[in-house]
Amino acid sequence: MTRVRALYEDTAVPVAEIARLAGVTERTLYKYAAKGAWRKRYAVKPRGEAAACANRGRRWQRAEGHAAAKGAGGRFIARAEADQPVARGIKALDPDGAARAAIACAAASLRHARAHRTARAKADAALVWEARRRAIDAVSSAMEVYNRFRITRSRARSPAERAHDEVMEALFVSQIETAVVALKDLED
């Protein structure tokens, strides 16, 4: 900024050229000149009270059909870098501290990832354990229903009833086998 100020105050380089070199608009450069109380480039003669009265209360207006190029706002940076992140606060004043903070953040991120993996593994183990418990319950329930069926149907009278019982028994056995296969799949 010192070099830009020196160009503005001490040379006859046009303001448009200085603004282009700095990567900002002319208006932004003039704002910095006013804000920083830079020395005026040209002596301005007073125009009289009539001109001052005519201009009083008027606001600056952009020429019709003209849109100013967008600068970086209040920061004095090149227009091309306008959308880039800018260090603020202690990061801008203490690069070593910013580096230490970045290392600490990376370490915290690794700890978080490790804790997340551990928690995920515990959750997965709990899900597998619950699935095994349900499979064991399914096998036990199927065995209980099958045993009740055999006890109640042990005194079947006719051959047709006995044939029907064999079909039902085959269905119960297939249910039990399916539950056992599901349980074995969970053990792997």
Foldseek 3Di string as FASTA:
>chain_A
DVVLLCCQAPHPPDLCVSCVVQQHHSVLVVVCCVVVVRDHNDDDDDPDDVVVVVCPPDDDDDPPPDDDQDALPPDRHHRVCNPPDDDDDVCVVPVVVVVVVVVVVVVVVVVVVVVVVVVVVVVVVVVLVVQLVVLVVQLVVLVVVLVVLCVVCVPPDDPVSVVVSVVVNVVSVVSNVVSVVSNVVSVD
